Amino acid sequence: MQQTKFCIKDIKSQPTRVDMLTVYSYEMNVYLVKLSVGDSTGWVYEGNSPKRFTSSQQIRDVFEGLNILASQMLHESPYDEMIGNPASAQSTSTLPFSMKQPY
């Protein structure tokens, strides 16, 4: 798969079918979004930096109205490292992520 930088303004200005929207959840309310569109995959950028989201609702608001076929959230837990254990193979959780607005 080809790595691409997806600019937020470009995604919103042209019709784009997103095969998979993946939310990467980090500590302290930091979320990054990676898109898969056809044969390309990559992070969502705003300017020269990856777009940093502060809530799951902000992600829904920014991508509202786009044709998103599937979405998921990946959360990496640093718990093992925090207590001095080696990194666990099970430290990443894949969760369903709904793009539906909670009206």
Protein backbone atom coordinates (compact mmCIF):
# COMPACT_ATOMS: atom_id res chain seq x y z
CA MET A 1 0.00 0.00 0.00
CA GLN A 2 1.20 3.48 -0.84
CA GLN A 3 1.74 5.90 2.09
CA THR A 4 -0.05 9.22 1.60
CA LYS A 5 -0.54 12.43 3.55
CA PHE A 6 -4.25 13.22 3.51
CA CYS A 7 -4.79 16.96 3.98
CA ILE A 8 -7.97 17.76 5.86
CA LYS A 9 -8.94 20.60 3.50
CA ASP A 10 -8.53 18.34 0.44
CA ILE A 11 -10.59 15.53 1.94
CA LYS A 12 -13.45 17.89 2.76
CA SER A 13 -13.36 19.74 -0.58
CA GLN A 14 -13.67 16.75 -2.91
CA PRO A 15 -15.81 13.62 -2.81
CA THR A 16 -13.67 10.88 -1.27
CA ARG A 17 -14.69 7.32 -0.44
CA VAL A 18 -12.83 6.23 2.67
CA ASP A 19 -12.48 2.45 2.93
CA MET A 20 -11.26 2.55 6.55
CA LEU A 21 -10.92 5.35 9.07
CA THR A 22 -8.71 4.30 11.98
CA VAL A 23 -8.54 6.38 15.13
CA TYR A 24 -5.33 5.95 17.13
CA SER A 25 -6.04 6.74 20.77
CA TYR A 26 -3.20 7.92 22.99
CA GLU A 27 -3.05 9.15 26.56
CA MET A 28 -4.11 12.68 27.53
CA ASN A 29 -6.95 13.01 24.98
CA VAL A 30 -4.73 12.79 21.92
CA TYR A 31 -6.16 11.12 18.83
CA LEU A 32 -4.62 10.76 15.36
CA VAL A 33 -6.52 9.50 12.32
CA LYS A 34 -5.23 7.26 9.55
CA LEU A 35 -7.24 6.74 6.36
CA SER A 36 -7.27 3.97 3.79
CA VAL A 37 -8.53 5.17 0.43
CA GLY A 38 -8.16 2.68 -2.41
CA ASP A 39 -4.50 1.66 -2.60
CA SER A 40 -3.33 4.51 -0.38
CA THR A 41 -3.10 4.75 3.37
CA GLY A 42 -1.80 7.55 5.55
CA TRP A 43 -2.26 10.04 8.36
CA VAL A 44 -4.60 13.00 8.20
CA TYR A 45 -2.62 16.26 8.13
CA GLU A 46 -3.42 19.87 8.80
CA GLY A 47 -0.64 21.93 7.25
CA ASN A 48 2.73 20.23 7.72
CA SER A 49 1.79 18.22 10.82
CA PRO A 50 -0.52 15.33 11.53
CA LYS A 51 -3.92 16.65 12.65
CA ARG A 52 -4.27 16.19 16.38
CA PHE A 53 -7.81 15.61 17.61
CA THR A 54 -8.81 16.08 21.25
CA SER A 55 -12.00 14.01 21.37
CA SER A 56 -13.86 11.30 19.51
CA GLN A 57 -16.69 13.77 18.90
CA GLN A 58 -14.30 16.19 17.20
CA ILE A 59 -13.39 13.39 14.79
CA ARG A 60 -17.07 12.75 14.03
CA ASP A 61 -17.65 16.46 13.46
CA VAL A 62 -14.67 16.91 11.13
CA PHE A 63 -15.49 13.88 8.98
CA GLU A 64 -19.28 14.33 9.01
CA GLY A 65 -20.84 13.94 5.59
CA LEU A 66 -17.96 11.95 4.08
CA ASN A 67 -18.47 8.50 2.60
CA ILE A 68 -16.77 6.32 5.26
CA LEU A 69 -17.31 2.60 4.74
CA ALA A 70 -15.75 1.36 8.01
CA SER A 71 -14.14 2.82 11.12
CA GLN A 72 -12.27 1.51 14.14
CA MET A 73 -10.26 2.72 17.12
CA LEU A 74 -6.88 1.36 18.17
CA HIS A 75 -5.87 1.97 21.75
CA GLU A 76 -2.38 1.13 22.96
CA SER A 77 -2.12 0.65 26.68
CA PRO A 78 1.21 1.46 28.32
CA TYR A 79 0.16 -0.42 31.47
CA ASP A 80 2.84 -3.15 31.27
CA GLU A 81 5.63 -0.64 30.75
CA MET A 82 4.26 1.58 33.55
CA ILE A 83 4.73 -1.17 36.12
CA GLY A 84 8.12 -2.32 34.83
CA ASN A 85 7.01 -5.32 32.79
CA PRO A 86 8.15 -5.89 29.20
CA ALA A 87 5.80 -4.69 26.48
CA SER A 88 2.85 -7.03 26.07
CA ALA A 89 1.77 -8.47 22.74
CA GLN A 90 -1.77 -7.70 23.87
CA SER A 91 -1.20 -4.03 24.61
CA THR A 92 -3.19 -2.89 21.56
CA SER A 93 -6.96 -3.09 21.59
CA THR A 94 -9.05 -2.73 18.43
CA LEU A 95 -12.50 -1.36 19.17
CA PRO A 96 -15.46 -0.50 16.96
CA PHE A 97 -15.76 3.24 16.33
CA SER A 98 -19.08 4.68 15.25
CA MET A 99 -19.06 7.71 12.97
CA LYS A 100 -22.78 8.30 13.69
CA GLN A 101 -23.56 11.59 15.35
CA PRO A 102 -25.17 11.13 18.80
CA TYR A 103 -28.22 13.31 18.09
